[in-house]
Amino acid sequence: MATEKLAGFRERIRSELDRAVDFWLKHSHDKVYGGFFTCIGRDGKVYDELKYVWLQGRQVWMYCRLYRTVERFHKDEILEAAKSGGEFLRRFAWVPSAGSMGKCAFSLTRDGQAVKVQRTIFSECFYVMAMDELARVTGDREMQVHAETVMDQLVHWVRVDPSGLGRPQLPGDLPVNSLAVPMMLLCLVEQLAEGRVDVADKYRELGSWCVQQILQHVQRDGTAILESVSNDGKELPGCQGRLQNPGHALEAGWFLLQYAVQHGDKELQRIAVDKFMEIPFRTGWDQDHGGIFYFLDVDGLCPTQLEWSMKLWWPHCEALVAFLMAYSLSREPTLLDRFTQVYDYTFSHFPDKEHGEWFGYLTRQGSVELDFKGGPFKGELH
């Protein structure tokens, strides 16, 4: 019964993937300046020519990963689009700074002029993902070395000296361990180390450090995953300290599970499933309307994020990956039930039957709130 059910799921997912890739191949390529349009309306029309570096990097990565690992996407059109996106990033993403390599922009004009720089590491993270995956499909050794150089700069900013991020340390702003940071660095360790023994050795200690930083977010005697904690692993005061992001916790769960399997760590496998999957799913699932809340307050207060009750596409995708990965390792029926529950909500609410691709932003009740297919944070990746 489970095998038949999974086969049906796989066929639907395969079909949705084909429709999503087709949408971005058809509507997002900038044939004049290179790279990709990221602000795309429901019907595929470009509504803003700004190009967001997170999404440029994610789309290069996605095209390359599909080209490298899924036979039906091993097409010249996809490879050439990835190369175009990679060239656009190499030429325009970096905003130089005196005495350093600078930072990646957050957004660019259509022709590549920097518009905004964030004081975080995430543009650079998605840049590294893109460059490394592109290096794998092109065999460009220099590009791989470049990706590692940027990675090493990220590690320096996070673990040694954050001043290069451009964010002053104000006296009332205490240093924080934000779940997204060690989670993304662990993702990059996995990306860079795949199939490369020397690179795996280089980043072995970093991977272990990321895991320990992520585990600090298990709080309240193991009953909650909090989005931000102090640098020494303590709960922070106020709204910031009480904030939960179920999607991030689920994403961290499958990152941890993947790492634990590779390192033969059974206890970490248990923690990944019991703490980072089961807890955020039980607390994050909307019992009244279905779907996963975007934000929650651990004490049951109203979160201050205005979109807290919305249902976004990406937490549901992370939940699908997490529970399917966990089920594939244990064959525990409850995990397949979790996957099925998320699957049923996801595939009945997010896909656009008329124009293809998915809506990303639903109301709590599950109706479409924002109908664009691409924006500052939503692109092809999820």
Protein backbone atom coordinates (compact mmCIF):
# COMPACT_ATOMS: atom_id res chain seq x y z
CA MET A 1 0.00 0.00 0.00
CA ALA A 2 2.78 2.44 0.92
CA THR A 3 4.62 1.65 -2.32
CA GLU A 4 1.54 2.40 -4.41
CA LYS A 5 0.90 5.60 -2.50
CA LEU A 6 4.49 6.78 -2.95
CA ALA A 7 4.40 5.99 -6.66
CA GLY A 8 1.34 8.19 -7.04
CA PHE A 9 2.99 11.00 -5.11
CA ARG A 10 6.11 10.71 -7.24
CA GLU A 11 4.16 10.97 -10.48
CA ARG A 12 2.37 14.13 -9.33
CA ILE A 13 5.61 15.69 -8.08
CA ARG A 14 7.32 14.83 -11.37
CA SER A 15 4.51 16.52 -13.30
CA GLU A 16 4.61 19.64 -11.11
CA LEU A 17 8.39 19.87 -11.45
CA ASP A 18 8.11 19.74 -15.24
CA ARG A 19 5.48 22.49 -15.22
CA ALA A 20 7.52 24.68 -12.87
CA VAL A 21 10.75 24.32 -14.85
CA ASP A 22 8.86 25.02 -18.08
CA PHE A 23 7.42 28.21 -16.56
CA TRP A 24 10.86 29.59 -15.67
CA LEU A 25 12.44 28.52 -18.96
CA LYS A 26 9.66 30.29 -20.83
CA HIS A 27 9.30 33.51 -18.84
CA SER A 28 12.41 34.36 -16.81
CA HIS A 29 15.37 34.52 -19.18
CA ASP A 30 16.70 37.97 -20.01
CA LYS A 31 18.03 37.62 -23.56
CA VAL A 32 19.40 41.17 -23.57
CA TYR A 33 21.41 41.55 -20.36
CA GLY A 34 21.69 37.96 -19.17
CA GLY A 35 20.57 36.49 -15.91
CA PHE A 36 16.94 36.03 -14.95
CA PHE A 37 13.90 38.16 -14.35
CA THR A 38 12.67 37.32 -10.87
CA CYS A 39 9.52 39.45 -10.53
CA ILE A 40 7.06 37.48 -12.62
CA GLY A 41 3.28 37.67 -12.43
CA ARG A 42 0.78 34.86 -12.39
CA ASP A 43 0.63 34.63 -16.20
CA GLY A 44 4.39 34.95 -16.73
CA LYS A 45 4.57 38.69 -17.44
CA VAL A 46 7.50 40.58 -15.87
CA TYR A 47 6.15 43.25 -13.51
CA ASP A 48 9.50 44.62 -12.23
CA GLU A 49 12.93 44.40 -13.85
CA LEU A 50 14.89 44.34 -10.58
CA LYS A 51 16.98 41.19 -10.25
CA TYR A 52 17.43 39.68 -6.79
CA VAL A 53 20.76 37.99 -6.17
CA TRP A 54 19.33 35.30 -3.86
CA LEU A 55 17.11 34.19 -6.70
CA GLN A 56 19.72 34.54 -9.44
CA GLY A 57 21.94 32.19 -7.44
CA ARG A 58 19.13 29.78 -6.63
CA GLN A 59 18.07 29.53 -10.26
CA VAL A 60 21.62 28.86 -11.48
CA TRP A 61 21.91 26.16 -8.81
CA MET A 62 18.55 24.65 -9.69
CA TYR A 63 19.25 24.47 -13.42
CA CYS A 64 22.67 22.93 -12.81
CA ARG A 65 21.43 20.41 -10.25
CA LEU A 66 18.62 19.32 -12.57
CA TYR A 67 21.02 19.12 -15.51
CA ARG A 68 23.50 17.05 -13.49
CA THR A 69 21.17 14.65 -11.70
CA VAL A 70 17.90 14.26 -13.65
CA GLU A 71 18.27 12.78 -17.11
CA ARG A 72 15.26 14.45 -18.71
CA PHE A 73 16.68 17.87 -17.83
CA HIS A 74 20.08 17.15 -19.37
CA LYS A 75 19.42 19.70 -22.12
CA ASP A 76 21.58 22.34 -23.76
CA GLU A 77 18.89 24.97 -23.13
CA ILE A 78 19.13 24.45 -19.37
CA LEU A 79 22.93 24.38 -19.30
CA GLU A 80 23.23 27.53 -21.41
CA ALA A 81 20.72 29.35 -19.21
CA ALA A 82 22.73 28.35 -16.13
CA LYS A 83 25.92 29.63 -17.72
CA SER A 84 24.23 32.92 -18.59
CA GLY A 85 23.04 33.32 -15.02
CA GLY A 86 26.47 32.44 -13.65
CA GLU A 87 28.18 34.96 -15.92
CA PHE A 88 25.71 37.67 -14.84
CA LEU A 89 26.46 36.92 -11.18
CA ARG A 90 30.24 36.92 -11.68
CA ARG A 91 30.09 40.26 -13.50
CA PHE A 92 27.62 42.17 -11.37
CA ALA A 93 26.81 40.58 -8.00
CA TRP A 94 29.85 41.90 -6.12
CA VAL A 95 29.91 45.42 -4.70
CA PRO A 96 33.61 46.13 -4.08
CA SER A 97 34.88 47.62 -0.83
CA ALA A 98 38.25 49.19 -0.11
CA GLY A 99 40.72 46.60 1.11
CA SER A 100 38.36 43.61 0.71
CA MET A 101 36.41 41.58 -1.81
CA GLY A 102 33.28 43.50 -0.79
CA LYS A 103 29.80 42.01 -0.54
CA CYS A 104 27.21 40.61 -2.86
CA ALA A 105 24.32 42.92 -3.61
CA PHE A 106 20.80 41.95 -2.62
CA SER A 107 19.20 43.49 -5.70
CA LEU A 108 20.43 44.74 -9.06
CA THR A 109 18.98 46.70 -11.95
CA ARG A 110 18.19 44.76 -15.09
CA ASP A 111 21.62 45.62 -16.53
CA GLY A 112 23.47 44.71 -13.32
CA GLN A 113 23.90 47.93 -11.32
CA ALA A 114 23.76 47.42 -7.58
CA VAL A 115 20.61 48.76 -5.90
CA LYS A 116 20.75 47.37 -2.37
CA VAL A 117 23.18 45.46 -0.13
CA GLN A 118 21.97 43.52 2.91
CA ARG A 119 24.07 43.29 6.06
CA THR A 120 23.73 39.51 6.15
CA ILE A 121 25.50 36.53 4.58
CA PHE A 122 22.67 35.13 2.47
CA SER A 123 23.36 36.69 -0.94
CA GLU A 124 26.85 35.24 -0.67
CA CYS A 125 25.47 31.85 0.42
CA PHE A 126 23.35 31.49 -2.69
CA TYR A 127 26.22 32.80 -4.79
CA VAL A 128 28.43 29.99 -3.46
CA MET A 129 25.74 27.39 -4.18
CA ALA A 130 25.42 28.65 -7.74
CA MET A 131 29.13 28.84 -8.50
CA ASP A 132 29.93 25.45 -7.06
CA GLU A 133 27.11 23.64 -8.85
CA LEU A 134 27.95 25.42 -12.10
CA ALA A 135 31.58 24.38 -11.67
CA ARG A 136 30.45 20.77 -11.37
CA VAL A 137 28.56 20.76 -14.67
CA THR A 138 31.15 22.77 -16.60
CA GLY A 139 34.31 21.28 -15.07
CA ASP A 140 35.59 24.79 -14.35
CA ARG A 141 38.18 24.30 -11.61
CA GLU A 142 38.78 28.04 -11.21
CA MET A 143 35.10 28.56 -10.49
CA GLN A 144 35.17 25.87 -7.80
CA VAL A 145 38.17 27.55 -6.15
CA HIS A 146 36.33 30.88 -6.35
CA ALA A 147 33.30 29.37 -4.61
CA GLU A 148 35.53 28.08 -1.79
CA THR A 149 37.18 31.49 -1.46
CA VAL A 150 33.80 33.13 -0.94
CA MET A 151 32.86 30.36 1.50
CA ASP A 152 35.98 31.06 3.54
CA GLN A 153 35.04 34.75 3.66
CA LEU A 154 31.59 33.82 4.94
CA VAL A 155 33.11 31.70 7.70
CA HIS A 156 35.39 34.60 8.65
CA TRP A 157 32.43 36.96 8.92
CA VAL A 158 30.43 34.52 11.04
CA ARG A 159 33.12 33.12 13.32
CA VAL A 160 35.92 35.69 13.45
CA ASP A 161 35.05 39.25 12.45
CA PRO A 162 31.57 40.37 11.34
CA SER A 163 32.65 43.92 10.56
CA GLY A 164 32.82 43.14 6.84
CA LEU A 165 29.03 42.74 6.84
CA GLY A 166 28.76 46.47 7.47
CA ARG A 167 26.51 46.13 10.49
CA PRO A 168 27.73 48.13 13.51
CA GLN A 169 27.53 46.39 16.89
CA LEU A 170 25.32 48.70 18.91
CA PRO A 171 25.51 48.54 22.73
CA GLY A 172 21.95 47.32 23.21
CA ASP A 173 22.06 44.82 20.35
CA LEU A 174 23.41 41.62 21.85
CA PRO A 175 25.05 39.02 19.58
CA VAL A 176 22.54 36.39 18.52
CA ASN A 177 22.74 32.84 17.19
CA SER A 178 20.12 32.96 14.43
CA LEU A 179 19.10 29.50 13.21
CA ALA A 180 19.39 30.51 9.56
CA VAL A 181 23.15 31.15 9.79
CA PRO A 182 24.56 27.77 10.92
CA MET A 183 21.84 26.06 8.90
CA MET A 184 22.97 27.75 5.67
CA LEU A 185 26.64 27.17 6.40
CA LEU A 186 25.91 23.47 6.96
CA CYS A 187 24.08 23.43 3.64
CA LEU A 188 27.15 24.92 1.96
CA VAL A 189 29.46 22.38 3.60
CA GLU A 190 27.30 19.65 2.07
CA GLN A 191 27.34 21.40 -1.30
CA LEU A 192 31.08 21.96 -1.49
CA ALA A 193 32.13 18.61 0.00
CA GLU A 194 30.00 16.31 -2.18
CA GLY A 195 32.34 13.83 -3.84
CA ARG A 196 35.50 15.73 -2.80
CA VAL A 197 37.45 14.12 0.02
CA ASP A 198 39.90 17.01 0.36
CA VAL A 199 37.13 19.61 0.64
CA ALA A 200 35.21 17.42 3.11
CA ASP A 201 38.33 17.29 5.29
CA LYS A 202 38.80 21.05 5.02
CA TYR A 203 35.29 21.79 6.27
CA ARG A 204 34.88 18.89 8.70
CA GLU A 205 35.31 21.02 11.82
CA LEU A 206 32.99 23.69 10.40
CA GLY A 207 30.27 21.11 9.83
CA SER A 208 30.53 19.93 13.42
CA TRP A 209 30.41 23.52 14.67
CA CYS A 210 27.27 24.21 12.59
CA VAL A 211 25.55 21.17 14.08
CA GLN A 212 26.32 22.31 17.63
CA GLN A 213 25.07 25.81 16.86
CA ILE A 214 21.82 24.42 15.45
CA LEU A 215 21.30 22.18 18.48
CA GLN A 216 21.40 25.25 20.74
CA HIS A 217 17.98 26.14 19.37
CA VAL A 218 16.36 23.21 21.18
CA GLN A 219 14.94 25.06 24.17
CA ARG A 220 12.33 24.79 26.96
CA ASP A 221 13.65 21.41 28.15
CA GLY A 222 13.50 19.99 24.66
CA THR A 223 9.92 21.05 23.91
CA ALA A 224 10.52 23.94 21.49
CA ILE A 225 12.75 25.05 18.63
CA LEU A 226 13.38 28.79 18.89
CA GLU A 227 14.51 30.84 15.91
CA SER A 228 17.08 32.91 17.81
CA VAL A 229 19.10 32.24 20.97
CA SER A 230 22.07 33.91 22.62
CA ASN A 231 25.57 33.01 21.52
CA ASP A 232 25.91 30.80 24.58
CA GLY A 233 22.68 28.97 23.80
CA LYS A 234 20.29 30.70 26.20
CA GLU A 235 16.76 31.93 25.51
CA LEU A 236 16.57 35.62 24.63
CA PRO A 237 14.08 38.04 26.21
CA GLY A 238 11.02 39.44 24.51
CA CYS A 239 9.42 38.72 21.16
CA GLN A 240 12.72 37.87 19.52
CA GLY A 241 13.41 35.14 22.02
CA ARG A 242 9.93 33.61 21.81
CA LEU A 243 9.79 33.50 18.01
CA GLN A 244 9.33 30.17 16.25
CA ASN A 245 9.62 29.58 12.51
CA PRO A 246 8.33 26.05 11.86
CA GLY A 247 9.58 26.01 8.26
CA HIS A 248 13.13 26.85 9.29
CA ALA A 249 13.08 24.21 12.03
CA LEU A 250 11.89 21.54 9.58
CA GLU A 251 14.54 22.60 7.09
CA ALA A 252 17.21 22.38 9.78
CA GLY A 253 15.83 18.94 10.62
CA TRP A 254 16.56 17.43 7.26
CA PHE A 255 19.95 19.15 7.07
CA LEU A 256 20.80 17.54 10.42
CA LEU A 257 19.41 14.18 9.34
CA GLN A 258 21.47 14.22 6.17
CA TYR A 259 24.60 15.08 8.15
CA ALA A 260 23.86 12.42 10.78
CA VAL A 261 23.46 9.68 8.19
CA GLN A 262 26.73 10.62 6.50
CA HIS A 263 28.56 10.52 9.85
CA GLY A 264 26.81 7.46 11.26
CA ASP A 265 25.45 9.42 14.22
CA LYS A 266 22.31 7.59 15.38
CA GLU A 267 21.62 9.96 18.28
CA LEU A 268 21.71 12.98 15.98
CA GLN A 269 19.34 11.17 13.61
CA ARG A 270 16.89 10.76 16.50
CA ILE A 271 17.20 14.42 17.51
CA ALA A 272 16.72 15.57 13.92
CA VAL A 273 13.41 13.72 13.64
CA ASP A 274 12.04 14.01 17.19
CA LYS A 275 13.01 17.61 17.87
CA PHE A 276 13.37 19.40 14.53
CA MET A 277 10.59 17.65 12.63
CA GLU A 278 7.97 16.38 15.07
CA ILE A 279 7.91 19.40 17.41
CA PRO A 280 7.61 22.16 14.78
CA PHE A 281 5.08 20.11 12.85
CA ARG A 282 2.86 19.49 15.89
CA THR A 283 3.04 23.11 17.04
CA GLY A 284 3.07 24.65 13.55
CA TRP A 285 0.17 22.83 11.93
CA ASP A 286 -3.04 24.87 11.82
CA GLN A 287 -5.67 22.60 13.33
CA ASP A 288 -8.52 24.77 12.06
CA HIS A 289 -7.60 25.42 8.44
CA GLY A 290 -4.68 23.09 7.69
CA GLY A 291 -1.23 24.07 6.55
CA ILE A 292 1.84 25.28 8.43
CA PHE A 293 1.89 28.69 10.12
CA TYR A 294 4.71 30.99 9.06
CA PHE A 295 5.59 32.26 12.55
CA LEU A 296 4.49 31.42 16.09
CA ASP A 297 5.16 32.68 19.61
CA VAL A 298 6.27 29.87 21.92
CA ASP A 299 4.10 31.25 24.74
CA GLY A 300 1.02 31.43 22.55
CA LEU A 301 1.05 35.22 22.26
CA CYS A 302 0.37 36.90 18.94
CA PRO A 303 3.60 37.18 16.92
CA THR A 304 4.49 40.70 15.82
CA GLN A 305 5.18 39.58 12.24
CA LEU A 306 2.14 40.73 10.26
CA GLU A 307 2.25 37.64 8.03
CA TRP A 308 2.54 35.18 10.92
CA SER A 309 -0.67 33.26 10.13
CA MET A 310 -0.14 33.03 6.36
CA LYS A 311 0.63 29.76 4.61
CA LEU A 312 3.75 30.06 2.46
CA TRP A 313 4.89 27.56 -0.14
CA TRP A 314 8.43 26.98 1.11
CA PRO A 315 7.77 25.69 4.68
CA HIS A 316 5.49 23.06 3.15
CA CYS A 317 8.21 22.06 0.69
CA GLU A 318 10.75 21.76 3.52
CA ALA A 319 8.27 19.61 5.47
CA LEU A 320 7.79 17.32 2.47
CA VAL A 321 11.54 16.85 2.09
CA ALA A 322 12.03 16.31 5.83
CA PHE A 323 9.34 13.69 6.37
CA LEU A 324 10.08 11.82 3.15
CA MET A 325 13.78 11.66 4.02
CA ALA A 326 12.99 10.49 7.55
CA TYR A 327 10.55 7.86 6.26
CA SER A 328 13.02 6.59 3.67
CA LEU A 329 15.50 5.86 6.46
CA SER A 330 13.19 4.32 9.07
CA ARG A 331 10.05 3.19 7.21
CA GLU A 332 8.12 4.41 10.23
CA PRO A 333 4.45 4.66 9.14
CA THR A 334 3.83 7.79 11.19
CA LEU A 335 6.39 9.68 9.11
CA LEU A 336 4.64 8.66 5.90
CA ASP A 337 1.39 9.87 7.45
CA ARG A 338 3.03 13.23 8.18
CA PHE A 339 4.28 13.44 4.59
CA THR A 340 0.83 12.56 3.27
CA GLN A 341 -0.83 15.22 5.41
CA VAL A 342 1.52 17.94 4.15
CA TYR A 343 1.34 16.61 0.58
CA ASP A 344 -2.46 16.73 0.53
CA TYR A 345 -2.51 20.36 1.70
CA THR A 346 0.36 21.45 -0.54
CA PHE A 347 -0.88 19.99 -3.80
CA SER A 348 -4.46 21.10 -3.26
CA HIS A 349 -3.56 24.73 -2.50
CA PHE A 350 -0.33 25.98 -4.09
CA PRO A 351 -0.23 24.79 -7.76
CA ASP A 352 -1.78 27.09 -10.37
CA LYS A 353 -3.71 24.81 -12.73
CA GLU A 354 -4.24 27.54 -15.30
CA HIS A 355 -0.79 29.06 -15.79
CA GLY A 356 1.55 26.55 -14.17
CA GLU A 357 4.03 27.04 -11.32
CA TRP A 358 2.82 27.71 -7.77
CA PHE A 359 1.31 30.50 -5.77
CA GLY A 360 3.54 31.28 -2.82
CA TYR A 361 1.45 33.23 -0.35
CA LEU A 362 -1.93 32.11 0.99
CA THR A 363 -4.18 33.47 3.71
CA ARG A 364 -4.62 31.47 6.88
CA GLN A 365 -7.80 30.03 5.37
CA GLY A 366 -5.89 28.86 2.30
CA SER A 367 -7.00 31.29 -0.41
CA VAL A 368 -4.46 33.03 -2.63
CA GLU A 369 -3.32 36.32 -1.11
CA LEU A 370 -0.47 37.24 -3.49
CA ASP A 371 -0.77 35.75 -6.96
CA PHE A 372 2.67 36.48 -8.44
CA LYS A 373 4.96 33.53 -9.23
CA GLY A 374 8.23 35.31 -8.54
CA GLY A 375 9.19 38.21 -6.29
CA PRO A 376 12.01 39.39 -4.03
CA PHE A 377 12.07 36.06 -2.16
CA LYS A 378 10.15 33.56 -4.30
CA GLY A 379 11.81 32.07 -7.35
CA GLU A 380 12.30 28.69 -9.00
CA LEU A 381 14.17 26.87 -6.21
CA HIS A 382 11.45 25.66 -3.85
